[in-house]
Protein backbone atom coordinates (compact mmCIF):
# COMPACT_ATOMS: atom_id res chain seq x y z
CA UNK A 1 -22.02 12.59 -14.62
CA UNK A 2 -24.51 15.13 -17.87
CA UNK A 3 -26.24 13.53 -20.27
CA UNK A 4 -27.12 16.23 -23.05
CA UNK A 5 -30.44 15.93 -24.22
CA UNK A 6 -31.45 17.93 -27.13
CA UNK A 7 -31.18 21.02 -24.96
CA UNK A 8 -31.74 19.87 -21.32
CA UNK A 9 -28.38 18.91 -19.65
CA UNK A 10 -29.26 15.71 -17.16
CA UNK A 11 -27.85 15.57 -14.24
CA UNK A 12 -27.76 11.45 -12.27
CA UNK A 13 -29.63 13.13 -10.32
CA UNK A 14 -32.18 14.39 -11.99
CA UNK A 15 -33.00 11.40 -14.24
CA UNK A 16 -32.88 8.70 -11.04
CA UNK A 17 -35.48 11.37 -9.81
CA UNK A 18 -37.26 10.35 -13.05
CA UNK A 19 -36.72 6.53 -13.00
CA UNK A 20 -38.32 7.25 -9.86
CA UNK A 21 -41.05 9.03 -10.55
CA UNK A 22 -41.31 7.25 -13.80
CA UNK A 23 -42.70 3.70 -11.82
CA UNK A 24 -45.76 5.49 -11.07
CA UNK A 25 -47.17 8.80 -9.26
CA UNK A 26 -44.98 9.47 -6.14
CA UNK A 27 -45.29 11.69 -2.40
CA UNK A 28 -42.67 13.73 -2.06
CA UNK A 29 -41.62 12.12 1.17
CA UNK A 30 -41.93 8.55 0.24
CA UNK A 31 -38.79 10.09 -2.98
CA UNK A 32 -36.82 10.24 -0.04
CA UNK A 33 -37.45 6.93 1.48
CA UNK A 34 -36.88 5.01 -2.02
CA UNK A 35 -34.07 6.89 -2.44
CA UNK A 36 -32.70 5.67 0.06
CA UNK A 37 -34.10 2.19 -0.03
CA UNK A 38 -31.97 1.51 -2.69
CA UNK A 39 -28.82 3.47 -2.61
CA UNK A 40 -28.64 5.98 -4.82
CA UNK A 41 -27.47 8.41 -2.76
CA UNK A 42 -24.36 6.40 -3.06
CA UNK A 43 -24.32 6.91 -7.12
CA UNK A 44 -26.55 10.78 -7.21
CA UNK A 45 -25.67 13.87 -5.93
CA UNK A 46 -29.47 13.82 -3.79
CA UNK A 47 -29.58 15.13 -0.20
CA UNK A 48 -32.48 16.12 1.19
CA UNK A 49 -32.56 19.12 1.05
CA UNK A 50 -31.46 19.34 -3.11
CA UNK A 51 -34.55 16.59 -3.78
CA UNK A 52 -36.29 19.64 -4.12
CA UNK A 53 -34.39 22.31 -6.30
CA UNK A 54 -34.05 18.75 -8.83
CA UNK A 55 -38.18 18.26 -8.42
CA UNK A 56 -38.74 22.38 -8.98
CA UNK A 57 -35.80 21.91 -11.53
CA UNK A 58 -38.12 19.42 -13.39
CA UNK A 59 -40.98 20.77 -12.91
CA UNK A 60 -39.66 24.60 -14.59
CA UNK A 61 -38.72 22.62 -17.66
CA UNK A 62 -41.78 20.41 -18.40
CA UNK A 63 -40.53 16.58 -17.16
CA UNK A 64 -42.06 16.74 -13.93
CA UNK A 65 -45.95 17.47 -12.79
CA UNK A 66 -47.17 18.56 -9.57
CA UNK A 67 -50.52 16.78 -8.62
CA UNK A 68 -53.75 18.47 -7.35
CA UNK A 69 -54.50 17.75 -3.63
CA UNK A 70 -53.17 17.83 0.38
CA UNK A 71 -51.86 20.98 0.46
CA UNK A 72 -48.78 20.15 2.91
CA UNK A 73 -48.03 16.90 0.79
CA UNK A 74 -47.33 17.27 -2.70
CA UNK A 75 -46.84 14.03 -5.65
CA UNK A 76 -45.36 14.14 -8.32
CA UNK A 77 -45.79 11.97 -10.88
CA UNK A 78 -43.35 12.51 -14.92
CA UNK A 79 -45.16 13.44 -17.91
CA UNK A 80 -44.93 12.54 -20.85
CA UNK A 81 -42.19 15.19 -21.85
CA UNK A 82 -40.21 13.42 -19.12
CA UNK A 83 -41.03 9.75 -20.29
CA UNK A 84 -39.44 10.86 -23.96
CA UNK A 85 -36.00 12.30 -22.08
CA UNK A 86 -35.84 9.00 -20.05
CA UNK A 87 -35.78 6.94 -22.62
CA UNK A 88 -33.40 8.42 -24.93
CA UNK A 89 -30.96 8.98 -21.46
CA UNK A 90 -31.36 5.26 -20.41
CA UNK A 91 -30.34 4.15 -24.19
CA UNK A 92 -27.76 7.17 -24.07
CA UNK A 93 -25.75 5.50 -20.61
CA UNK A 94 -26.30 1.64 -21.64
CA UNK A 95 -25.31 2.04 -25.40
CA UNK A 96 -21.82 4.26 -25.18
CA UNK A 97 -19.17 3.16 -23.31
CA UNK A 98 -17.69 5.75 -21.06
CA UNK A 99 -14.08 6.49 -18.84
CA UNK A 100 -14.58 4.44 -15.18
CA UNK A 101 -12.45 6.88 -14.14
CA UNK A 102 -10.43 8.78 -15.85
CA UNK A 103 -8.95 11.18 -12.89
CA UNK A 104 -6.65 8.17 -11.84
CA UNK A 105 -5.67 7.29 -15.71
CA UNK A 106 -4.30 10.69 -14.74
CA UNK A 107 -2.34 10.35 -12.22
CA UNK A 108 -1.17 7.04 -13.48
CA UNK A 109 0.46 8.69 -15.77
CA UNK A 110 2.70 11.13 -13.31
CA UNK A 111 3.87 8.84 -10.99
CA UNK A 112 6.92 9.75 -11.86
CA UNK A 113 6.69 13.22 -10.68
CA UNK A 114 6.01 10.96 -6.69
CA UNK A 115 8.65 9.51 -4.81
CA UNK A 116 8.86 5.53 -4.69
CA UNK A 117 7.38 5.26 -0.82
CA UNK A 118 4.44 7.69 -1.81
CA UNK A 119 3.26 5.57 -4.89
CA UNK A 120 3.30 2.80 -2.72
CA UNK A 121 1.23 5.29 0.40
CA UNK A 122 -0.88 5.57 -2.41
CA UNK A 123 -1.83 2.82 -4.07
CA UNK A 124 -2.08 0.87 -0.71
CA UNK A 125 -4.80 3.59 0.40
CA UNK A 126 -7.10 3.13 -3.27
CA UNK A 127 -6.66 -0.98 -2.06
CA UNK A 128 -8.00 -0.43 1.42
CA UNK A 129 -11.10 2.23 0.43
CA UNK A 130 -12.11 -0.24 -2.90
CA UNK A 131 -11.95 -3.19 0.59
CA UNK A 132 -14.29 -1.18 2.32
CA UNK A 133 -16.44 -0.01 -0.38
CA UNK A 134 -16.93 -3.47 -1.95
CA UNK A 135 -17.42 -5.03 2.23
CA UNK A 136 -20.12 -2.36 2.43
CA UNK A 137 -21.97 -3.17 -0.64
CA UNK A 138 -22.23 -6.78 -0.03
CA UNK A 139 -23.48 -6.77 3.55
CA UNK A 140 -26.67 -4.22 1.84
CA UNK A 141 -27.07 -7.52 -0.69
CA UNK A 142 -26.16 -10.24 1.28
CA UNK A 143 -28.13 -8.16 4.49
CA UNK A 144 -31.65 -7.80 2.01
CA UNK A 145 -31.88 -3.96 2.74
CA UNK A 146 -31.80 -3.30 -0.99
CA UNK A 147 -34.53 -2.97 -2.95
CA UNK A 148 -36.36 -6.46 -4.55
CA UNK A 149 -36.42 -6.19 -8.43
CA UNK A 150 -34.34 -7.23 -10.94
CA UNK A 151 -33.31 -3.79 -11.78
CA UNK A 152 -31.96 -3.36 -8.46
CA UNK A 153 -30.01 -5.96 -7.84
CA UNK A 154 -28.71 -5.38 -11.49
CA UNK A 155 -27.06 -1.86 -10.14
CA UNK A 156 -25.41 -3.59 -7.02
CA UNK A 157 -23.90 -6.88 -8.79
CA UNK A 158 -22.16 -4.06 -11.56
CA UNK A 159 -20.64 -2.52 -9.07
CA UNK A 160 -19.81 -5.16 -7.35
CA UNK A 161 -18.34 -7.32 -10.57
CA UNK A 162 -16.40 -3.56 -11.37
CA UNK A 163 -14.60 -3.09 -7.85
CA UNK A 164 -13.53 -6.64 -7.72
CA UNK A 165 -12.19 -6.33 -11.49
CA UNK A 166 -10.48 -2.93 -9.95
CA UNK A 167 -9.12 -4.96 -7.38
CA UNK A 168 -7.11 -7.04 -9.13
CA UNK A 169 -6.12 -5.02 -11.77
CA UNK A 170 -4.45 -3.17 -8.81
CA UNK A 171 -3.13 -5.96 -7.38
CA UNK A 172 -1.53 -6.56 -10.12
CA UNK A 173 0.36 -3.23 -11.16
CA UNK A 174 1.57 -2.82 -7.76
CA UNK A 175 3.61 -6.01 -7.68
CA UNK A 176 5.28 -5.07 -11.37
CA UNK A 177 5.11 -1.66 -10.60
CA UNK A 178 7.58 -2.85 -7.80
CA UNK A 179 9.70 -5.41 -9.71
CA UNK A 180 10.82 -2.01 -10.95
CA UNK A 181 10.71 0.37 -9.25
CA UNK A 182 13.99 2.30 -8.21
CA UNK A 183 14.68 2.25 -3.98
CA UNK A 184 14.52 6.13 -2.62
CA UNK A 185 17.58 7.22 -1.68
CA UNK A 186 18.90 6.99 1.85
CA UNK A 187 18.64 10.44 3.24
CA UNK A 188 22.02 11.48 4.82
CA UNK A 189 22.05 13.64 7.88
CA UNK A 190 25.08 15.94 7.27
CA UNK A 191 26.90 16.94 10.83
CA UNK A 192 26.23 20.63 10.96
CA UNK A 193 30.15 22.22 11.77
CA UNK A 194 29.40 25.23 14.51
CA UNK A 195 32.50 27.75 14.72
CA UNK A 196 34.04 27.10 18.72
CA UNK A 197 32.67 31.05 19.33
CA UNK A 198 28.97 29.66 18.81
CA UNK A 199 29.94 26.74 20.16
CA UNK A 200 27.47 26.38 24.06
CA UNK A 201 29.99 24.19 25.59
CA UNK A 202 28.11 24.21 29.64
CA UNK A 203 30.89 24.29 32.60
CA UNK A 204 31.12 21.07 33.71
CA UNK A 205 32.56 20.04 30.67
CA UNK A 206 36.28 19.12 30.08
CA UNK A 207 36.56 21.20 27.10
CA UNK A 208 34.90 24.43 29.03
CA UNK A 209 37.02 27.67 29.59
CA UNK A 210 34.86 28.25 32.00
CA UNK A 211 36.14 24.98 33.87
CA UNK A 212 37.91 26.55 37.21
CA UNK A 213 39.01 24.48 40.50
CA UNK A 214 37.32 24.06 43.30
CA UNK A 215 38.47 25.67 46.89
CA UNK A 216 36.32 24.80 49.97
CA UNK A 217 35.09 27.76 51.27
CA UNK A 218 36.00 28.64 54.94
CA UNK A 219 33.73 28.41 57.51
CA UNK A 220 32.95 32.16 57.93
CA UNK A 221 32.72 32.77 54.47
CA UNK A 222 28.78 30.37 54.74
CA UNK A 223 26.35 31.50 53.61
CA UNK A 224 22.79 31.66 55.49
CA UNK A 225 20.13 29.96 53.13
CA UNK A 226 17.29 32.02 52.83
CA UNK A 227 15.52 32.89 55.52
CA UNK A 228 17.15 31.88 58.09
CA UNK A 229 18.92 33.96 60.94
CA UNK A 230 22.03 34.61 60.05
CA UNK A 231 25.01 32.89 62.43
CA UNK A 232 27.36 34.80 64.22
CA UNK A 233 30.91 35.50 62.16
CA UNK A 234 33.34 33.47 63.29
CA UNK A 235 37.07 35.46 63.67
CA UNK A 236 40.07 34.95 61.48
CA UNK A 237 42.31 32.95 61.90
CA UNK A 238 44.70 36.12 62.09
CA UNK A 239 42.16 37.60 64.12
CA UNK A 240 42.41 35.36 66.86
CA UNK A 241 46.65 35.81 67.10
CA UNK A 242 45.33 39.21 67.76
CA UNK A 243 43.81 37.90 70.80
């Protein structure tokens, strides 16, 4: 999400860092710890490397200042201009209602594009994902790993309440949608018609044109297995009569 303040477009990551620095001047490694402890990575795109990009951008804009000190450690503090921008942004966040998930609403408007079983699979997958998110958030709150402040607890409580409301709405919607959803047509596989001359019929098949009665092999026509010495040939019956 972006918030336009004057000529400055603020991102969630920039606002989060300004908020942390508004509490007190903080070293860069301490910012990493606070971001992780307060679960800000779940709501903002702040990675270990992107945090420095955001800090440099805010410093260039004059919203934060780097304090002098050890060169191996970098301590930042919010500037007067940064505090003004932060106050304006937070006021806008609290006072202006915004759509929760426009992409989901766009999907609802196009349910007719999918088959019934595809809609069922998609909605069930959304339910499972929201349930997993709710479980993770609740575990964090129950374990006490969230920051012990009224503001941080309010953030988690609001998110949990929103997911519960979404799940309740989704459960009711799936029930109402299933009651009116048309059944998918049964898949009928028509047998392929193969011309007789292209059909493959095994020789042992009674219909095979290659099926021929077999005759007993005379003793003098028996074959020798490969690798075995050829036995002496027995005389044909007519040869025996000549003797």
